[in-house]
All heavy atoms as atom14 arrays in JSON, in Angstrom:
{
  "sequence": "LKSLFSPKAGAILRVLLNNPNYAWRMANLAAEAKASLGHVS",
  "atom14_mask": [
    [1, 1, 1, 1, 1, 1, 1, 1, 0, 0, 0, 0, 0, 0],
    [1, 1, 1, 1, 1, 1, 1, 1, 1, 0, 0, 0, 0, 0],
    [1, 1, 1, 1, 1, 1, 0, 0, 0, 0, 0, 0, 0, 0],
    [1, 1, 1, 1, 1, 1, 1, 1, 0, 0, 0, 0, 0, 0],
    [1, 1, 1, 1, 1, 1, 1, 1, 1, 1, 1, 0, 0, 0],
    [1, 1, 1, 1, 1, 1, 0, 0, 0, 0, 0, 0, 0, 0],
    [1, 1, 1, 1, 1, 1, 1, 0, 0, 0, 0, 0, 0, 0],
    [1, 1, 1, 1, 1, 1, 1, 1, 1, 0, 0, 0, 0, 0],
    [1, 1, 1, 1, 1, 0, 0, 0, 0, 0, 0, 0, 0, 0],
    [1, 1, 1, 1, 0, 0, 0, 0, 0, 0, 0, 0, 0, 0],
    [1, 1, 1, 1, 1, 0, 0, 0, 0, 0, 0, 0, 0, 0],
    [1, 1, 1, 1, 1, 1, 1, 1, 0, 0, 0, 0, 0, 0],
    [1, 1, 1, 1, 1, 1, 1, 1, 0, 0, 0, 0, 0, 0],
    [1, 1, 1, 1, 1, 1, 1, 1, 1, 1, 1, 0, 0, 0],
    [1, 1, 1, 1, 1, 1, 1, 0, 0, 0, 0, 0, 0, 0],
    [1, 1, 1, 1, 1, 1, 1, 1, 0, 0, 0, 0, 0, 0],
    [1, 1, 1, 1, 1, 1, 1, 1, 0, 0, 0, 0, 0, 0],
    [1, 1, 1, 1, 1, 1, 1, 1, 0, 0, 0, 0, 0, 0],
    [1, 1, 1, 1, 1, 1, 1, 1, 0, 0, 0, 0, 0, 0],
    [1, 1, 1, 1, 1, 1, 1, 0, 0, 0, 0, 0, 0, 0],
    [1, 1, 1, 1, 1, 1, 1, 1, 0, 0, 0, 0, 0, 0],
    [1, 1, 1, 1, 1, 1, 1, 1, 1, 1, 1, 1, 0, 0],
    [1, 1, 1, 1, 1, 0, 0, 0, 0, 0, 0, 0, 0, 0],
    [1, 1, 1, 1, 1, 1, 1, 1, 1, 1, 1, 1, 1, 1],
    [1, 1, 1, 1, 1, 1, 1, 1, 1, 1, 1, 0, 0, 0],
    [1, 1, 1, 1, 1, 1, 1, 1, 0, 0, 0, 0, 0, 0],
    [1, 1, 1, 1, 1, 0, 0, 0, 0, 0, 0, 0, 0, 0],
    [1, 1, 1, 1, 1, 1, 1, 1, 0, 0, 0, 0, 0, 0],
    [1, 1, 1, 1, 1, 1, 1, 1, 0, 0, 0, 0, 0, 0],
    [1, 1, 1, 1, 1, 0, 0, 0, 0, 0, 0, 0, 0, 0],
    [1, 1, 1, 1, 1, 0, 0, 0, 0, 0, 0, 0, 0, 0],
    [1, 1, 1, 1, 1, 1, 1, 1, 1, 0, 0, 0, 0, 0],
    [1, 1, 1, 1, 1, 0, 0, 0, 0, 0, 0, 0, 0, 0],
    [1, 1, 1, 1, 1, 1, 1, 1, 1, 0, 0, 0, 0, 0],
    [1, 1, 1, 1, 1, 0, 0, 0, 0, 0, 0, 0, 0, 0],
    [1, 1, 1, 1, 1, 1, 0, 0, 0, 0, 0, 0, 0, 0],
    [1, 1, 1, 1, 1, 1, 1, 1, 0, 0, 0, 0, 0, 0],
    [1, 1, 1, 1, 0, 0, 0, 0, 0, 0, 0, 0, 0, 0],
    [1, 1, 1, 1, 1, 1, 1, 1, 1, 1, 0, 0, 0, 0],
    [1, 1, 1, 1, 1, 1, 1, 0, 0, 0, 0, 0, 0, 0],
    [1, 1, 1, 1, 1, 1, 0, 0, 0, 0, 0, 0, 0, 0]
  ],
  "atom14_positions": [
    [[83.92, 122.15, 88.67], [84.85, 123.27, 88.69], [84.24, 124.49, 89.35], [84.91, 125.22, 90.1], [85.3, 123.61, 87.26], [86.19, 122.57, 86.59], [86.4, 122.92, 85.12], [87.53, 122.47, 87.3], [0.0, 0.0, 0.0], [0.0, 0.0, 0.0], [0.0, 0.0, 0.0], [0.0, 0.0, 0.0], [0.0, 0.0, 0.0], [0.0, 0.0, 0.0]],
    [[82.96, 124.72, 89.1], [82.29, 125.85, 89.74], [82.29, 125.68, 91.25], [82.51, 126.64, 92.01], [80.86, 125.98, 89.22], [80.13, 127.2, 89.75], [78.75, 127.34, 89.13], [78.04, 128.58, 89.66], [76.68, 128.74, 89.06], [0.0, 0.0, 0.0], [0.0, 0.0, 0.0], [0.0, 0.0, 0.0], [0.0, 0.0, 0.0], [0.0, 0.0, 0.0]],
    [[82.06, 124.46, 91.7], [82.08, 124.18, 93.14], [83.47, 124.32, 93.72], [83.65, 124.9, 94.8], [81.54, 122.77, 93.39], [81.68, 122.4, 94.75], [0.0, 0.0, 0.0], [0.0, 0.0, 0.0], [0.0, 0.0, 0.0], [0.0, 0.0, 0.0], [0.0, 0.0, 0.0], [0.0, 0.0, 0.0], [0.0, 0.0, 0.0], [0.0, 0.0, 0.0]],
    [[84.48, 123.81, 93.0], [85.86, 123.87, 93.49], [86.35, 125.3, 93.6], [87.12, 125.63, 94.51], [86.77, 123.06, 92.56], [88.26, 123.05, 92.9], [88.5, 122.5, 94.3], [89.04, 122.25, 91.87], [0.0, 0.0, 0.0], [0.0, 0.0, 0.0], [0.0, 0.0, 0.0], [0.0, 0.0, 0.0], [0.0, 0.0, 0.0], [0.0, 0.0, 0.0]],
    [[85.93, 126.17, 92.68], [86.41, 127.55, 92.67], [85.35, 128.54, 93.13], [85.37, 129.71, 92.73], [86.92, 127.9, 91.27], [88.09, 127.05, 90.84], [88.01, 126.25, 89.7], [89.25, 127.01, 91.58], [89.07, 125.46, 89.31], [90.32, 126.22, 91.21], [90.23, 125.43, 90.07], [0.0, 0.0, 0.0], [0.0, 0.0, 0.0], [0.0, 0.0, 0.0]],
    [[84.42, 128.08, 93.94], [83.42, 128.97, 94.53], [84.11, 129.89, 95.53], [85.23, 129.62, 95.98], [82.34, 128.15, 95.23], [82.87, 127.5, 96.37], [0.0, 0.0, 0.0], [0.0, 0.0, 0.0], [0.0, 0.0, 0.0], [0.0, 0.0, 0.0], [0.0, 0.0, 0.0], [0.0, 0.0, 0.0], [0.0, 0.0, 0.0], [0.0, 0.0, 0.0]],
    [[83.47, 131.0, 95.91], [84.11, 131.92, 96.87], [84.54, 131.26, 98.17], [85.65, 131.5, 98.65], [83.0, 132.97, 97.1], [82.22, 132.97, 95.84], [82.21, 131.54, 95.38], [0.0, 0.0, 0.0], [0.0, 0.0, 0.0], [0.0, 0.0, 0.0], [0.0, 0.0, 0.0], [0.0, 0.0, 0.0], [0.0, 0.0, 0.0], [0.0, 0.0, 0.0]],
    [[83.67, 130.4, 98.74], [84.02, 129.77, 100.01], [85.16, 128.77, 99.84], [86.05, 128.67, 100.69], [82.79, 129.1, 100.62], [81.76, 130.11, 101.11], [80.61, 129.42, 101.81], [79.61, 130.44, 102.35], [78.46, 129.79, 103.03], [0.0, 0.0, 0.0], [0.0, 0.0, 0.0], [0.0, 0.0, 0.0], [0.0, 0.0, 0.0], [0.0, 0.0, 0.0]],
    [[85.13, 127.99, 98.75], [86.22, 127.07, 98.49], [87.5, 127.83, 98.19], [88.61, 127.39, 98.53], [85.87, 126.14, 97.32], [0.0, 0.0, 0.0], [0.0, 0.0, 0.0], [0.0, 0.0, 0.0], [0.0, 0.0, 0.0], [0.0, 0.0, 0.0], [0.0, 0.0, 0.0], [0.0, 0.0, 0.0], [0.0, 0.0, 0.0], [0.0, 0.0, 0.0]],
    [[87.36, 129.01, 97.55], [88.53, 129.82, 97.23], [89.31, 130.22, 98.46], [90.54, 130.36, 98.4], [0.0, 0.0, 0.0], [0.0, 0.0, 0.0], [0.0, 0.0, 0.0], [0.0, 0.0, 0.0], [0.0, 0.0, 0.0], [0.0, 0.0, 0.0], [0.0, 0.0, 0.0], [0.0, 0.0, 0.0], [0.0, 0.0, 0.0], [0.0, 0.0, 0.0]],
    [[88.62, 130.41, 99.58], [89.32, 130.75, 100.83], [90.27, 129.63, 101.23], [91.39, 129.87, 101.7], [88.31, 131.02, 101.93], [0.0, 0.0, 0.0], [0.0, 0.0, 0.0], [0.0, 0.0, 0.0], [0.0, 0.0, 0.0], [0.0, 0.0, 0.0], [0.0, 0.0, 0.0], [0.0, 0.0, 0.0], [0.0, 0.0, 0.0], [0.0, 0.0, 0.0]],
    [[89.86, 128.38, 101.01], [90.71, 127.22, 101.31], [91.87, 127.16, 100.33], [93.02, 126.91, 100.71], [89.88, 125.93, 101.26], [88.74, 125.99, 102.27], [90.76, 124.7, 101.5], [87.71, 124.88, 102.12], [0.0, 0.0, 0.0], [0.0, 0.0, 0.0], [0.0, 0.0, 0.0], [0.0, 0.0, 0.0], [0.0, 0.0, 0.0], [0.0, 0.0, 0.0]],
    [[91.58, 127.39, 99.06], [92.63, 127.34, 98.03], [93.69, 128.41, 98.26], [94.89, 128.17, 98.05], [92.01, 127.5, 96.64], [90.95, 126.47, 96.24], [90.46, 126.76, 94.83], [91.49, 125.05, 96.35], [0.0, 0.0, 0.0], [0.0, 0.0, 0.0], [0.0, 0.0, 0.0], [0.0, 0.0, 0.0], [0.0, 0.0, 0.0], [0.0, 0.0, 0.0]],
    [[93.27, 129.59, 98.7], [94.24, 130.67, 98.93], [95.2, 130.3, 100.06], [96.4, 130.59, 99.99], [93.51, 131.98, 99.26], [92.88, 132.64, 98.06], [92.56, 134.11, 98.33], [91.59, 134.29, 99.39], [90.27, 134.31, 99.2], [89.78, 134.11, 97.99], [89.45, 134.51, 100.21], [0.0, 0.0, 0.0], [0.0, 0.0, 0.0], [0.0, 0.0, 0.0]],
    [[94.68, 129.63, 101.1], [95.55, 129.2, 102.2], [96.58, 128.21, 101.69], [97.78, 128.3, 102.01], [94.71, 128.58, 103.34], [95.63, 127.95, 104.39], [93.83, 129.64, 103.99], [0.0, 0.0, 0.0], [0.0, 0.0, 0.0], [0.0, 0.0, 0.0], [0.0, 0.0, 0.0], [0.0, 0.0, 0.0], [0.0, 0.0, 0.0], [0.0, 0.0, 0.0]],
    [[96.14, 127.27, 100.86], [97.07, 126.27, 100.32], [98.11, 126.91, 99.4], [99.3, 126.58, 99.46], [96.29, 125.19, 99.55], [95.39, 124.27, 100.37], [94.54, 123.4, 99.45], [96.22, 123.4, 101.3], [0.0, 0.0, 0.0], [0.0, 0.0, 0.0], [0.0, 0.0, 0.0], [0.0, 0.0, 0.0], [0.0, 0.0, 0.0], [0.0, 0.0, 0.0]],
    [[97.67, 127.83, 98.56], [98.59, 128.47, 97.61], [99.57, 129.41, 98.31], [100.68, 129.63, 97.81], [97.79, 129.25, 96.56], [97.1, 128.39, 95.5], [96.07, 129.2, 94.72], [98.13, 127.79, 94.54], [0.0, 0.0, 0.0], [0.0, 0.0, 0.0], [0.0, 0.0, 0.0], [0.0, 0.0, 0.0], [0.0, 0.0, 0.0], [0.0, 0.0, 0.0]],
    [[99.18, 129.96, 99.44], [100.1, 130.82, 100.18], [101.25, 130.04, 100.8], [102.32, 130.61, 101.08], [99.35, 131.58, 101.28], [98.52, 132.73, 100.73], [98.84, 133.28, 99.69], [97.46, 133.08, 101.44], [0.0, 0.0, 0.0], [0.0, 0.0, 0.0], [0.0, 0.0, 0.0], [0.0, 0.0, 0.0], [0.0, 0.0, 0.0], [0.0, 0.0, 0.0]],
    [[101.04, 128.74, 101.0], [102.08, 127.89, 101.61], [102.11, 126.55, 100.86], [101.7, 125.51, 101.4], [101.78, 127.64, 103.09], [101.74, 128.92, 103.89], [102.76, 129.44, 104.31], [100.52, 129.45, 104.11], [0.0, 0.0, 0.0], [0.0, 0.0, 0.0], [0.0, 0.0, 0.0], [0.0, 0.0, 0.0], [0.0, 0.0, 0.0], [0.0, 0.0, 0.0]],
    [[102.61, 126.54, 99.6], [102.53, 125.34, 98.77], [103.21, 124.11, 99.36], [102.79, 122.99, 99.07], [103.21, 125.77, 97.46], [103.1, 127.24, 97.44], [103.2, 127.67, 98.87], [0.0, 0.0, 0.0], [0.0, 0.0, 0.0], [0.0, 0.0, 0.0], [0.0, 0.0, 0.0], [0.0, 0.0, 0.0], [0.0, 0.0, 0.0], [0.0, 0.0, 0.0]],
    [[104.23, 124.29, 100.16], [104.98, 123.15, 100.66], [104.62, 122.78, 102.1], [105.24, 121.88, 102.68], [106.49, 123.42, 100.57], [106.94, 123.64, 99.13], [106.56, 122.88, 98.24], [107.74, 124.67, 98.91], [0.0, 0.0, 0.0], [0.0, 0.0, 0.0], [0.0, 0.0, 0.0], [0.0, 0.0, 0.0], [0.0, 0.0, 0.0], [0.0, 0.0, 0.0]],
    [[103.62, 123.44, 102.65], [103.26, 123.21, 104.04], [102.3, 122.04, 104.15], [101.39, 121.88, 103.33], [102.63, 124.47, 104.63], [102.37, 124.39, 106.11], [103.39, 124.6, 107.03], [101.1, 124.09, 106.6], [103.16, 124.53, 108.39], [100.85, 124.02, 107.96], [101.89, 124.23, 108.85], [101.65, 124.16, 110.19], [0.0, 0.0, 0.0], [0.0, 0.0, 0.0]],
    [[102.51, 121.19, 105.15], [101.62, 120.05, 105.39], [100.52, 120.47, 106.36], [100.8, 120.81, 107.52], [102.41, 118.88, 105.95], [0.0, 0.0, 0.0], [0.0, 0.0, 0.0], [0.0, 0.0, 0.0], [0.0, 0.0, 0.0], [0.0, 0.0, 0.0], [0.0, 0.0, 0.0], [0.0, 0.0, 0.0], [0.0, 0.0, 0.0], [0.0, 0.0, 0.0]],
    [[99.29, 120.44, 105.88], [98.16, 120.92, 106.67], [97.35, 119.78, 107.26], [96.95, 118.85, 106.56], [97.22, 121.75, 105.8], [97.76, 123.09, 105.41], [98.42, 123.39, 104.24], [97.68, 124.29, 106.16], [98.76, 124.72, 104.23], [98.32, 125.31, 105.4], [97.13, 124.64, 107.39], [98.43, 126.62, 105.83], [97.24, 125.96, 107.84], [97.87, 126.92, 107.07]],
    [[97.11, 119.85, 108.57], [96.11, 119.01, 109.18], [94.74, 119.61, 108.84], [94.6, 120.83, 108.7], [96.29, 118.97, 110.7], [97.6, 118.31, 111.14], [97.61, 116.84, 110.84], [98.81, 116.18, 111.36], [99.1, 114.91, 111.14], [98.29, 114.16, 110.41], [100.2, 114.37, 111.64], [0.0, 0.0, 0.0], [0.0, 0.0, 0.0], [0.0, 0.0, 0.0]],
    [[93.75, 118.75, 108.72], [92.43, 119.22, 108.29], [91.88, 120.31, 109.21], [91.36, 121.33, 108.75], [91.47, 118.03, 108.23], [91.83, 116.99, 107.19], [91.38, 117.51, 105.54], [89.61, 117.27, 105.61], [0.0, 0.0, 0.0], [0.0, 0.0, 0.0], [0.0, 0.0, 0.0], [0.0, 0.0, 0.0], [0.0, 0.0, 0.0], [0.0, 0.0, 0.0]],
    [[92.0, 120.09, 110.51], [91.45, 121.06, 111.47], [92.17, 122.4, 111.36], [91.54, 123.46, 111.42], [91.55, 120.51, 112.88], [0.0, 0.0, 0.0], [0.0, 0.0, 0.0], [0.0, 0.0, 0.0], [0.0, 0.0, 0.0], [0.0, 0.0, 0.0], [0.0, 0.0, 0.0], [0.0, 0.0, 0.0], [0.0, 0.0, 0.0], [0.0, 0.0, 0.0]],
    [[93.5, 122.36, 111.18], [94.27, 123.6, 111.06], [93.91, 124.35, 109.78], [93.8, 125.58, 109.78], [95.76, 123.3, 111.09], [96.22, 122.76, 112.43], [95.52, 122.94, 113.44], [97.35, 122.09, 112.45], [0.0, 0.0, 0.0], [0.0, 0.0, 0.0], [0.0, 0.0, 0.0], [0.0, 0.0, 0.0], [0.0, 0.0, 0.0], [0.0, 0.0, 0.0]],
    [[93.74, 123.61, 108.7], [93.38, 124.23, 107.43], [91.99, 124.86, 107.52], [91.77, 125.97, 107.02], [93.41, 123.19, 106.3], [93.06, 123.67, 104.9], [93.95, 124.82, 104.46], [93.16, 122.51, 103.9], [0.0, 0.0, 0.0], [0.0, 0.0, 0.0], [0.0, 0.0, 0.0], [0.0, 0.0, 0.0], [0.0, 0.0, 0.0], [0.0, 0.0, 0.0]],
    [[91.05, 124.16, 108.15], [89.7, 124.7, 108.31], [89.72, 125.99, 109.13], [89.04, 126.96, 108.79], [88.81, 123.65, 108.98], [0.0, 0.0, 0.0], [0.0, 0.0, 0.0], [0.0, 0.0, 0.0], [0.0, 0.0, 0.0], [0.0, 0.0, 0.0], [0.0, 0.0, 0.0], [0.0, 0.0, 0.0], [0.0, 0.0, 0.0], [0.0, 0.0, 0.0]],
    [[90.51, 125.99, 110.21], [90.58, 127.18, 111.06], [91.21, 128.35, 110.31], [90.72, 129.49, 110.39], [91.38, 126.86, 112.32], [0.0, 0.0, 0.0], [0.0, 0.0, 0.0], [0.0, 0.0, 0.0], [0.0, 0.0, 0.0], [0.0, 0.0, 0.0], [0.0, 0.0, 0.0], [0.0, 0.0, 0.0], [0.0, 0.0, 0.0], [0.0, 0.0, 0.0]],
    [[92.28, 128.09, 109.56], [92.97, 129.15, 108.83], [92.09, 129.73, 107.73], [92.13, 130.94, 107.46], [94.27, 128.61, 108.23], [95.16, 129.64, 107.56], [95.82, 130.6, 108.54], [95.88, 130.28, 109.75], [96.27, 131.68, 108.1], [0.0, 0.0, 0.0], [0.0, 0.0, 0.0], [0.0, 0.0, 0.0], [0.0, 0.0, 0.0], [0.0, 0.0, 0.0]],
    [[91.31, 128.88, 107.09], [90.46, 129.33, 105.97], [89.07, 129.77, 106.44], [88.25, 130.19, 105.63], [90.31, 128.21, 104.95], [0.0, 0.0, 0.0], [0.0, 0.0, 0.0], [0.0, 0.0, 0.0], [0.0, 0.0, 0.0], [0.0, 0.0, 0.0], [0.0, 0.0, 0.0], [0.0, 0.0, 0.0], [0.0, 0.0, 0.0], [0.0, 0.0, 0.0]],
    [[88.81, 129.67, 107.75], [87.5, 130.0, 108.31], [86.4, 129.21, 107.61], [85.36, 129.74, 107.21], [87.23, 131.51, 108.19], [88.26, 132.38, 108.88], [87.97, 133.86, 108.64], [89.06, 134.75, 109.25], [88.85, 136.18, 108.97], [0.0, 0.0, 0.0], [0.0, 0.0, 0.0], [0.0, 0.0, 0.0], [0.0, 0.0, 0.0], [0.0, 0.0, 0.0]],
    [[86.67, 127.91, 107.47], [85.74, 127.02, 106.78], [85.4, 125.83, 107.68], [86.12, 125.53, 108.63], [86.35, 126.53, 105.47], [0.0, 0.0, 0.0], [0.0, 0.0, 0.0], [0.0, 0.0, 0.0], [0.0, 0.0, 0.0], [0.0, 0.0, 0.0], [0.0, 0.0, 0.0], [0.0, 0.0, 0.0], [0.0, 0.0, 0.0], [0.0, 0.0, 0.0]],
    [[84.32, 125.15, 107.36], [83.94, 123.97, 108.12], [84.8, 122.78, 107.71], [85.34, 122.74, 106.59], [82.48, 123.64, 107.89], [82.26, 123.2, 106.56], [0.0, 0.0, 0.0], [0.0, 0.0, 0.0], [0.0, 0.0, 0.0], [0.0, 0.0, 0.0], [0.0, 0.0, 0.0], [0.0, 0.0, 0.0], [0.0, 0.0, 0.0], [0.0, 0.0, 0.0]],
    [[84.91, 121.8, 108.59], [85.67, 120.59, 108.26], [85.04, 119.86, 107.08], [85.75, 119.29, 106.24], [85.74, 119.66, 109.48], [86.8, 119.99, 110.52], [86.62, 119.12, 111.76], [88.21, 119.79, 109.94], [0.0, 0.0, 0.0], [0.0, 0.0, 0.0], [0.0, 0.0, 0.0], [0.0, 0.0, 0.0], [0.0, 0.0, 0.0], [0.0, 0.0, 0.0]],
    [[83.71, 119.88, 107.0], [83.05, 119.23, 105.88], [83.4, 119.87, 104.55], [83.63, 119.17, 103.56], [0.0, 0.0, 0.0], [0.0, 0.0, 0.0], [0.0, 0.0, 0.0], [0.0, 0.0, 0.0], [0.0, 0.0, 0.0], [0.0, 0.0, 0.0], [0.0, 0.0, 0.0], [0.0, 0.0, 0.0], [0.0, 0.0, 0.0], [0.0, 0.0, 0.0]],
    [[83.47, 121.2, 104.52], [83.81, 121.9, 103.28], [85.27, 121.63, 102.9], [85.6, 121.4, 101.73], [83.58, 123.4, 103.45], [83.45, 124.11, 102.15], [83.1, 125.43, 102.05], [83.61, 123.68, 100.87], [83.07, 125.78, 100.77], [83.37, 124.74, 100.04], [0.0, 0.0, 0.0], [0.0, 0.0, 0.0], [0.0, 0.0, 0.0], [0.0, 0.0, 0.0]],
    [[86.15, 121.63, 103.89], [87.55, 121.32, 103.62], [87.69, 119.9, 103.09], [88.47, 119.65, 102.16], [88.39, 121.5, 104.91], [89.81, 120.97, 104.69], [88.45, 122.97, 105.31], [0.0, 0.0, 0.0], [0.0, 0.0, 0.0], [0.0, 0.0, 0.0], [0.0, 0.0, 0.0], [0.0, 0.0, 0.0], [0.0, 0.0, 0.0], [0.0, 0.0, 0.0]],
    [[86.92, 118.98, 103.63], [86.98, 117.59, 103.16], [86.53, 117.47, 101.71], [87.14, 116.73, 100.92], [86.09, 116.71, 104.06], [86.1, 115.37, 103.63], [0.0, 0.0, 0.0], [0.0, 0.0, 0.0], [0.0, 0.0, 0.0], [0.0, 0.0, 0.0], [0.0, 0.0, 0.0], [0.0, 0.0, 0.0], [0.0, 0.0, 0.0], [0.0, 0.0, 0.0]]
  ]
}
């Protein structure tokens, strides 16, 4: 849980929560959250 809700992971979660019904490709989600593909995975 600490890893899932870490600050960097939180950036990914905020993108998902801002658009709950949107279908995200991994690369697009990584770019929007300013995160690496590995972290998004």
